[in-house]
Amino acid sequence: MMKQVQKKIIIMALRAGEIMMKSGAEIYRVEDTISRICKACGIPYVEVFVTPTGIFLSLDEGGENSEMFTFLKRINGTGTDLGKISQINQFSRDFVNTDLSIEDGMKRLKEIAKSKPYNLWIRALGAALACAFFCLMFQGTLQDFVCAFAIGAASYLLSVGFEQFETNYFIKGFCCTAFAAFLALLCTAAGLGDSSGPITIGALMLFVPGVAITNAIRDFLASDMLSGLARTAEAFFIAISLATGAGVVMRLWVLFGGNIL
């Protein structure tokens, strides 16, 4: 009977950790959440080791003859959803401080996992506004602002399409920035924009791996060196893909006789 209870606790804790990892949470936050959930169930010995690609969890009642349970959960794919991280944090607090049962906890985790972010068009509008205002920050004109707005929305929708097919983040970054750079060059060549530079940079900022860089620094500060290095490498390769995508298009544009304004 105890084994079944421990199994349910492990599944619930790992499920909470998996949602957090796939939403872009820091390593220390995931480990702390899993540990709190398990200890709230009266389990004295809990060891958690989390990497960007997996969660290791061991539970033991602490007795001499007690049996230890160890599970490994593979993490496939990652993204950014601060809303789900906040919901899991609230769930762990409620689970620790109230009489929430394991069954009800699993139902709540399923609801959190299925919850959708904002409507696609609202997200596209947000992406368009972000690109447009970044364009202004890099000395773009009002004409560039309008171009960056449209290109930002188009680039974001393209990235959503790549996510539907679980495309590698390097290819996604390369293609989206190449697409944005090509549209920026077309707009300036057609006279719709004044300079392709601010427009391209504004669209490129949408894909800068800010969360990966921030989490890498926080993991280093929390002495999680392995995950810190992994996330630093991830941010580095994403940055390379963005620069390569825009650079290749601009080079081809020049080779085919175009002028970069």
Foldseek 3Di string as FASTA:
>chain_A
DVVVVVVLLVVLLVLLLLLCLQQLHFPVLSQVLSVLSVVLVVFPDWDWDDASFKIWIKTWNPDPPTDIDIDMDTHDHHHHDVPLVVVSVVLSVCSNPHVQDSVNSVVSSVVSSPDDDDDLVVVLQVQLQQLLVQLVVVVFDVLLSVLLSVLSSVLVVQLVVCVVVPHDLLVSLLQSLLSQLLSLLVCVVVVSTVASVSSSVSSNVSQQPPSLQVSLVVCVVVVVPNNSVVSVVVNVSSVVSNCNNNVVNVVVCVVVPHDGD
